[in-house]
Amino acid sequence: MGSDQELICQVDENDQIIGPCLRGEAHQMGLLHRSVHILVFNSDGELFLQKRAHTKDVNPGLWDTSAAGHVDFGESYEDSARRELKEELGIDYPEQFEPLFKMEASVDTGWEFIQVYQLTYDGVLQPEPHEIIDGRWFGLTELQTWIARGGEGLTPSFQLLWAKFCSI
């Protein structure tokens, strides 16, 4: 679970590491930093979304990508994705991740470079109750309709990421 005191990677405009910074400072001061988002699909092609806990400091109570989080200082994007999957959904994923695309840091991403991964998983999910208050599988048509109707209840970052996903 993220805390304002956690050390994350501050980066420059080319996503090169400058050094550590506090998570809270990165958000308060608009420092460039890194995050990962993982899209977990099942073999039926449905996407698992999590509903963020009301105690989260960003987008509480909204539906978001399957798993996501900041890249800790000294951690690679892939190591971060592996850690977030384990922490948030209880998934141990030993294989190499399939990088899908990377989003550039901007005001719309909260100044985060976002590396997006996807995987197919049909095992049992164990959502972390302090982070996730609900979660379920969504059909892609259902998601498209939800977003076309304004996307109310979805995080802005998921909507941005989903638009890019649908364009590739």
C-alpha atoms as a PDB file:
ATOM      1  CA  MET A   1       0.000   0.000   0.000  1.00  0.00           C
ATOM      2  CA  GLY A   2       1.426   3.373  -1.026  1.00  0.00           C
ATOM      3  CA  SER A   3       2.491   5.886   1.558  1.00  0.00           C
ATOM      4  CA  ASP A   4       3.636   9.466   1.042  1.00  0.00           C
ATOM      5  CA  GLN A   5       6.932   8.428   2.642  1.00  0.00           C
ATOM      6  CA  GLU A   6       7.700   5.604   0.200  1.00  0.00           C
ATOM      7  CA  LEU A   7      10.794   6.146  -1.964  1.00  0.00           C
ATOM      8  CA  ILE A   8      10.024   6.049  -5.655  1.00  0.00           C
ATOM      9  CA  CYS A   9      12.067   6.764  -8.821  1.00  0.00           C
ATOM     10  CA  GLN A  10      12.308  10.381  -9.874  1.00  0.00           C
ATOM     11  CA  VAL A  11      13.165  10.548 -13.569  1.00  0.00           C
ATOM     12  CA  ASP A  12      13.911  13.170 -16.204  1.00  0.00           C
ATOM     13  CA  GLU A  13      11.911  13.930 -19.362  1.00  0.00           C
ATOM     14  CA  ASN A  14      13.600  10.942 -21.084  1.00  0.00           C
ATOM     15  CA  ASP A  15      12.601   8.552 -18.264  1.00  0.00           C
ATOM     16  CA  GLN A  16      16.201   8.327 -17.051  1.00  0.00           C
ATOM     17  CA  ILE A  17      16.575   7.925 -13.282  1.00  0.00           C
ATOM     18  CA  ILE A  18      17.630  11.060 -11.417  1.00  0.00           C
ATOM     19  CA  GLY A  19      17.365   9.517  -7.953  1.00  0.00           C
ATOM     20  CA  PRO A  20      14.916   8.721  -5.180  1.00  0.00           C
ATOM     21  CA  CYS A  21      12.079  10.989  -4.149  1.00  0.00           C
ATOM     22  CA  LEU A  22       9.219  10.666  -1.709  1.00  0.00           C
ATOM     23  CA  ARG A  23       5.916   9.623  -3.241  1.00  0.00           C
ATOM     24  CA  GLY A  24       4.132  12.530  -1.555  1.00  0.00           C
ATOM     25  CA  GLU A  25       6.652  15.053  -2.885  1.00  0.00           C
ATOM     26  CA  ALA A  26       6.405  13.650  -6.406  1.00  0.00           C
ATOM     27  CA  HIS A  27       2.665  14.270  -6.434  1.00  0.00           C
ATOM     28  CA  GLN A  28       2.744  17.612  -4.616  1.00  0.00           C
ATOM     29  CA  MET A  29       5.561  19.074  -6.706  1.00  0.00           C
ATOM     30  CA  GLY A  30       4.723  17.488 -10.063  1.00  0.00           C
ATOM     31  CA  LEU A  31       8.001  15.558 -10.276  1.00  0.00           C
ATOM     32  CA  LEU A  32       8.353  13.089 -13.125  1.00  0.00           C
ATOM     33  CA  HIS A  33       8.253   9.510 -11.858  1.00  0.00           C
ATOM     34  CA  ARG A  34       7.322   5.971 -12.909  1.00  0.00           C
ATOM     35  CA  SER A  35       4.359   3.673 -12.476  1.00  0.00           C
ATOM     36  CA  VAL A  36       3.076   0.395 -13.862  1.00  0.00           C
ATOM     37  CA  HIS A  37      -0.400  -0.734 -14.823  1.00  0.00           C
ATOM     38  CA  ILE A  38      -1.201  -4.385 -15.483  1.00  0.00           C
ATOM     39  CA  LEU A  39      -4.213  -5.501 -17.510  1.00  0.00           C
ATOM     40  CA  VAL A  40      -5.233  -9.004 -16.430  1.00  0.00           C
ATOM     41  CA  PHE A  41      -7.431 -10.775 -18.955  1.00  0.00           C
ATOM     42  CA  ASN A  42      -8.969 -14.228 -18.592  1.00  0.00           C
ATOM     43  CA  SER A  43      -9.030 -16.766 -21.411  1.00  0.00           C
ATOM     44  CA  ASP A  44     -12.566 -15.588 -22.307  1.00  0.00           C
ATOM     45  CA  GLY A  45     -11.081 -12.169 -23.144  1.00  0.00           C
ATOM     46  CA  GLU A  46     -12.627 -10.393 -20.162  1.00  0.00           C
ATOM     47  CA  LEU A  47     -10.635  -7.765 -18.254  1.00  0.00           C
ATOM     48  CA  PHE A  48     -10.453  -7.723 -14.448  1.00  0.00           C
ATOM     49  CA  LEU A  49     -10.952  -4.271 -12.936  1.00  0.00           C
ATOM     50  CA  GLN A  50     -10.505  -3.360  -9.299  1.00  0.00           C
ATOM     51  CA  LYS A  51     -12.526  -0.834  -7.348  1.00  0.00           C
ATOM     52  CA  ARG A  52     -10.118   1.254  -5.297  1.00  0.00           C
ATOM     53  CA  ALA A  53     -10.615   1.457  -1.535  1.00  0.00           C
ATOM     54  CA  HIS A  54     -12.184   4.646  -0.178  1.00  0.00           C
ATOM     55  CA  THR A  55      -9.019   5.203   1.880  1.00  0.00           C
ATOM     56  CA  LYS A  56      -6.820   5.654  -1.234  1.00  0.00           C
ATOM     57  CA  ASP A  57      -5.438   9.197  -1.593  1.00  0.00           C
ATOM     58  CA  VAL A  58      -5.918   9.246  -5.387  1.00  0.00           C
ATOM     59  CA  ASN A  59      -9.223   8.259  -7.039  1.00  0.00           C
ATOM     60  CA  PRO A  60     -10.816   6.589  -3.987  1.00  0.00           C
ATOM     61  CA  GLY A  61     -13.801   4.373  -4.747  1.00  0.00           C
ATOM     62  CA  LEU A  62     -13.259   4.387  -8.521  1.00  0.00           C
ATOM     63  CA  TRP A  63     -12.745   1.428 -10.865  1.00  0.00           C
ATOM     64  CA  ASP A  64      -9.177   1.056 -12.142  1.00  0.00           C
ATOM     65  CA  THR A  65      -6.828  -1.279 -14.001  1.00  0.00           C
ATOM     66  CA  SER A  66      -6.358  -4.804 -12.668  1.00  0.00           C
ATOM     67  CA  ALA A  67      -3.255  -3.825 -10.680  1.00  0.00           C
ATOM     68  CA  ALA A  68      -1.112  -0.691 -10.611  1.00  0.00           C
ATOM     69  CA  GLY A  69       1.435   1.157  -8.559  1.00  0.00           C
ATOM     70  CA  HIS A  70       4.532   3.304  -8.400  1.00  0.00           C
ATOM     71  CA  VAL A  71       7.954   1.950  -9.282  1.00  0.00           C
ATOM     72  CA  ASP A  72      10.001   1.961  -6.083  1.00  0.00           C
ATOM     73  CA  PHE A  73      13.495   3.411  -6.137  1.00  0.00           C
ATOM     74  CA  GLY A  74      15.964   0.716  -7.221  1.00  0.00           C
ATOM     75  CA  GLU A  75      13.213  -1.348  -8.866  1.00  0.00           C
ATOM     76  CA  SER A  76      12.651  -2.040 -12.573  1.00  0.00           C
ATOM     77  CA  TYR A  77       9.285  -1.599 -14.255  1.00  0.00           C
ATOM     78  CA  GLU A  78       8.920  -5.379 -14.542  1.00  0.00           C
ATOM     79  CA  ASP A  79       9.888  -6.021 -10.904  1.00  0.00           C
ATOM     80  CA  SER A  80       7.349  -3.404  -9.871  1.00  0.00           C
ATOM     81  CA  ALA A  81       4.623  -5.078 -11.963  1.00  0.00           C
ATOM     82  CA  ARG A  82       5.450  -8.438 -10.388  1.00  0.00           C
ATOM     83  CA  ARG A  83       5.293  -6.927  -6.871  1.00  0.00           C
ATOM     84  CA  GLU A  84       2.005  -5.094  -7.515  1.00  0.00           C
ATOM     85  CA  LEU A  85       0.329  -8.217  -8.923  1.00  0.00           C
ATOM     86  CA  LYS A  86       1.351 -10.163  -5.814  1.00  0.00           C
ATOM     87  CA  GLU A  87       0.385  -7.408  -3.341  1.00  0.00           C
ATOM     88  CA  GLU A  88      -2.923  -6.418  -4.904  1.00  0.00           C
ATOM     89  CA  LEU A  89      -4.259  -9.646  -6.451  1.00  0.00           C
ATOM     90  CA  GLY A  90      -2.225 -12.470  -4.905  1.00  0.00           C
ATOM     91  CA  ILE A  91      -0.850 -13.497  -8.322  1.00  0.00           C
ATOM     92  CA  ASP A  92       2.620 -15.052  -8.433  1.00  0.00           C
ATOM     93  CA  TYR A  93       3.622 -14.596 -12.060  1.00  0.00           C
ATOM     94  CA  PRO A  94       6.979 -16.262 -12.801  1.00  0.00           C
ATOM     95  CA  GLU A  95       6.983 -15.739 -16.571  1.00  0.00           C
ATOM     96  CA  GLN A  96       8.275 -12.683 -18.376  1.00  0.00           C
ATOM     97  CA  PHE A  97       5.712  -9.936 -18.757  1.00  0.00           C
ATOM     98  CA  GLU A  98       4.477  -8.814 -22.136  1.00  0.00           C
ATOM     99  CA  PRO A  99       5.084  -5.046 -22.292  1.00  0.00           C
ATOM    100  CA  LEU A 100       2.131  -3.574 -24.143  1.00  0.00           C
ATOM    101  CA  PHE A 101       3.028   0.114 -24.424  1.00  0.00           C
ATOM    102  CA  LYS A 102       4.455   2.987 -22.428  1.00  0.00           C
ATOM    103  CA  MET A 103       2.653   6.265 -21.862  1.00  0.00           C
ATOM    104  CA  GLU A 104       4.636   9.488 -21.681  1.00  0.00           C
ATOM    105  CA  ALA A 105       4.544  11.523 -18.489  1.00  0.00           C
ATOM    106  CA  SER A 106       2.107  14.440 -18.719  1.00  0.00           C
ATOM    107  CA  VAL A 107      -0.364  16.355 -16.632  1.00  0.00           C
ATOM    108  CA  ASP A 108      -2.968  13.738 -17.667  1.00  0.00           C
ATOM    109  CA  THR A 109      -0.885  10.864 -16.237  1.00  0.00           C
ATOM    110  CA  GLY A 110      -0.043  12.730 -13.012  1.00  0.00           C
ATOM    111  CA  TRP A 111       3.522  13.229 -14.342  1.00  0.00           C
ATOM    112  CA  GLU A 112       4.042   9.471 -14.449  1.00  0.00           C
ATOM    113  CA  PHE A 113       5.699   7.464 -17.193  1.00  0.00           C
ATOM    114  CA  ILE A 114       3.350   4.478 -17.244  1.00  0.00           C
ATOM    115  CA  GLN A 115       4.562   1.094 -18.455  1.00  0.00           C
ATOM    116  CA  VAL A 116       1.542  -1.038 -19.292  1.00  0.00           C
ATOM    117  CA  TYR A 117       1.671  -4.833 -19.271  1.00  0.00           C
ATOM    118  CA  GLN A 118      -0.923  -7.457 -20.023  1.00  0.00           C
ATOM    119  CA  LEU A 119      -1.288 -11.089 -19.125  1.00  0.00           C
ATOM    120  CA  THR A 120      -3.850 -13.843 -19.336  1.00  0.00           C
ATOM    121  CA  TYR A 121      -4.702 -15.464 -16.023  1.00  0.00           C
ATOM    122  CA  ASP A 122      -7.437 -17.921 -15.085  1.00  0.00           C
ATOM    123  CA  GLY A 123      -6.390 -18.688 -11.526  1.00  0.00           C
ATOM    124  CA  VAL A 124      -7.896 -17.507  -8.267  1.00  0.00           C
ATOM    125  CA  LEU A 125      -7.578 -13.800  -7.489  1.00  0.00           C
ATOM    126  CA  GLN A 126      -7.117 -12.665  -3.895  1.00  0.00           C
ATOM    127  CA  PRO A 127      -7.776  -8.904  -3.857  1.00  0.00           C
ATOM    128  CA  GLU A 128      -6.013  -7.052  -1.013  1.00  0.00           C
ATOM    129  CA  PRO A 129      -8.917  -5.685   1.122  1.00  0.00           C
ATOM    130  CA  HIS A 130      -7.048  -2.535   2.253  1.00  0.00           C
ATOM    131  CA  GLU A 131      -6.486  -1.554  -1.383  1.00  0.00           C
ATOM    132  CA  ILE A 132      -9.460  -3.055  -3.230  1.00  0.00           C
ATOM    133  CA  ILE A 133     -13.112  -3.004  -2.130  1.00  0.00           C
ATOM    134  CA  ASP A 134     -14.495  -4.801  -5.169  1.00  0.00           C
ATOM    135  CA  GLY A 135     -13.335  -6.421  -8.364  1.00  0.00           C
ATOM    136  CA  ARG A 136     -14.851  -8.233 -11.278  1.00  0.00           C
ATOM    137  CA  TRP A 137     -14.376  -9.348 -14.863  1.00  0.00           C
ATOM    138  CA  PHE A 138     -15.742  -7.053 -17.570  1.00  0.00           C
ATOM    139  CA  GLY A 139     -16.460  -7.872 -21.188  1.00  0.00           C
ATOM    140  CA  LEU A 140     -14.760  -5.514 -23.632  1.00  0.00           C
ATOM    141  CA  THR A 141     -18.076  -4.402 -25.175  1.00  0.00           C
ATOM    142  CA  GLU A 142     -19.370  -3.584 -21.686  1.00  0.00           C
ATOM    143  CA  LEU A 143     -16.260  -1.446 -21.028  1.00  0.00           C
ATOM    144  CA  GLN A 144     -16.544   0.348 -24.370  1.00  0.00           C
ATOM    145  CA  THR A 145     -20.204   1.167 -23.671  1.00  0.00           C
ATOM    146  CA  TRP A 146     -19.366   2.407 -20.155  1.00  0.00           C
ATOM    147  CA  ILE A 147     -16.667   4.729 -21.493  1.00  0.00           C
ATOM    148  CA  ALA A 148     -18.821   5.900 -24.417  1.00  0.00           C
ATOM    149  CA  ARG A 149     -21.451   6.940 -21.857  1.00  0.00           C
ATOM    150  CA  GLY A 150     -18.919   9.133 -20.040  1.00  0.00           C
ATOM    151  CA  GLY A 151     -16.985   6.583 -17.975  1.00  0.00           C
ATOM    152  CA  GLU A 152     -18.436   7.750 -14.673  1.00  0.00           C
ATOM    153  CA  GLY A 153     -16.859   5.727 -11.857  1.00  0.00           C
ATOM    154  CA  LEU A 154     -13.698   4.863 -13.828  1.00  0.00           C
ATOM    155  CA  THR A 155     -10.352   6.475 -12.976  1.00  0.00           C
ATOM    156  CA  PRO A 156      -9.118   9.074 -15.484  1.00  0.00           C
ATOM    157  CA  SER A 157      -5.849   7.125 -15.847  1.00  0.00           C
ATOM    158  CA  PHE A 158      -7.721   3.936 -16.780  1.00  0.00           C
ATOM    159  CA  GLN A 159      -9.778   5.806 -19.377  1.00  0.00           C
ATOM    160  CA  LEU A 160      -6.615   7.316 -20.880  1.00  0.00           C
ATOM    161  CA  LEU A 161      -4.850   3.957 -20.879  1.00  0.00           C
ATOM    162  CA  TRP A 162      -7.886   2.175 -22.339  1.00  0.00           C
ATOM    163  CA  ALA A 163      -8.120   4.680 -25.222  1.00  0.00           C
ATOM    164  CA  LYS A 164      -4.478   3.967 -26.060  1.00  0.00           C
ATOM    165  CA  PHE A 165      -5.016   0.185 -25.698  1.00  0.00           C
ATOM    166  CA  CYS A 166      -7.952   0.320 -28.128  1.00  0.00           C
ATOM    167  CA  SER A 167      -5.883   2.275 -30.665  1.00  0.00           C
ATOM    168  CA  ILE A 168      -3.061  -0.291 -30.962  1.00  0.00           C
END
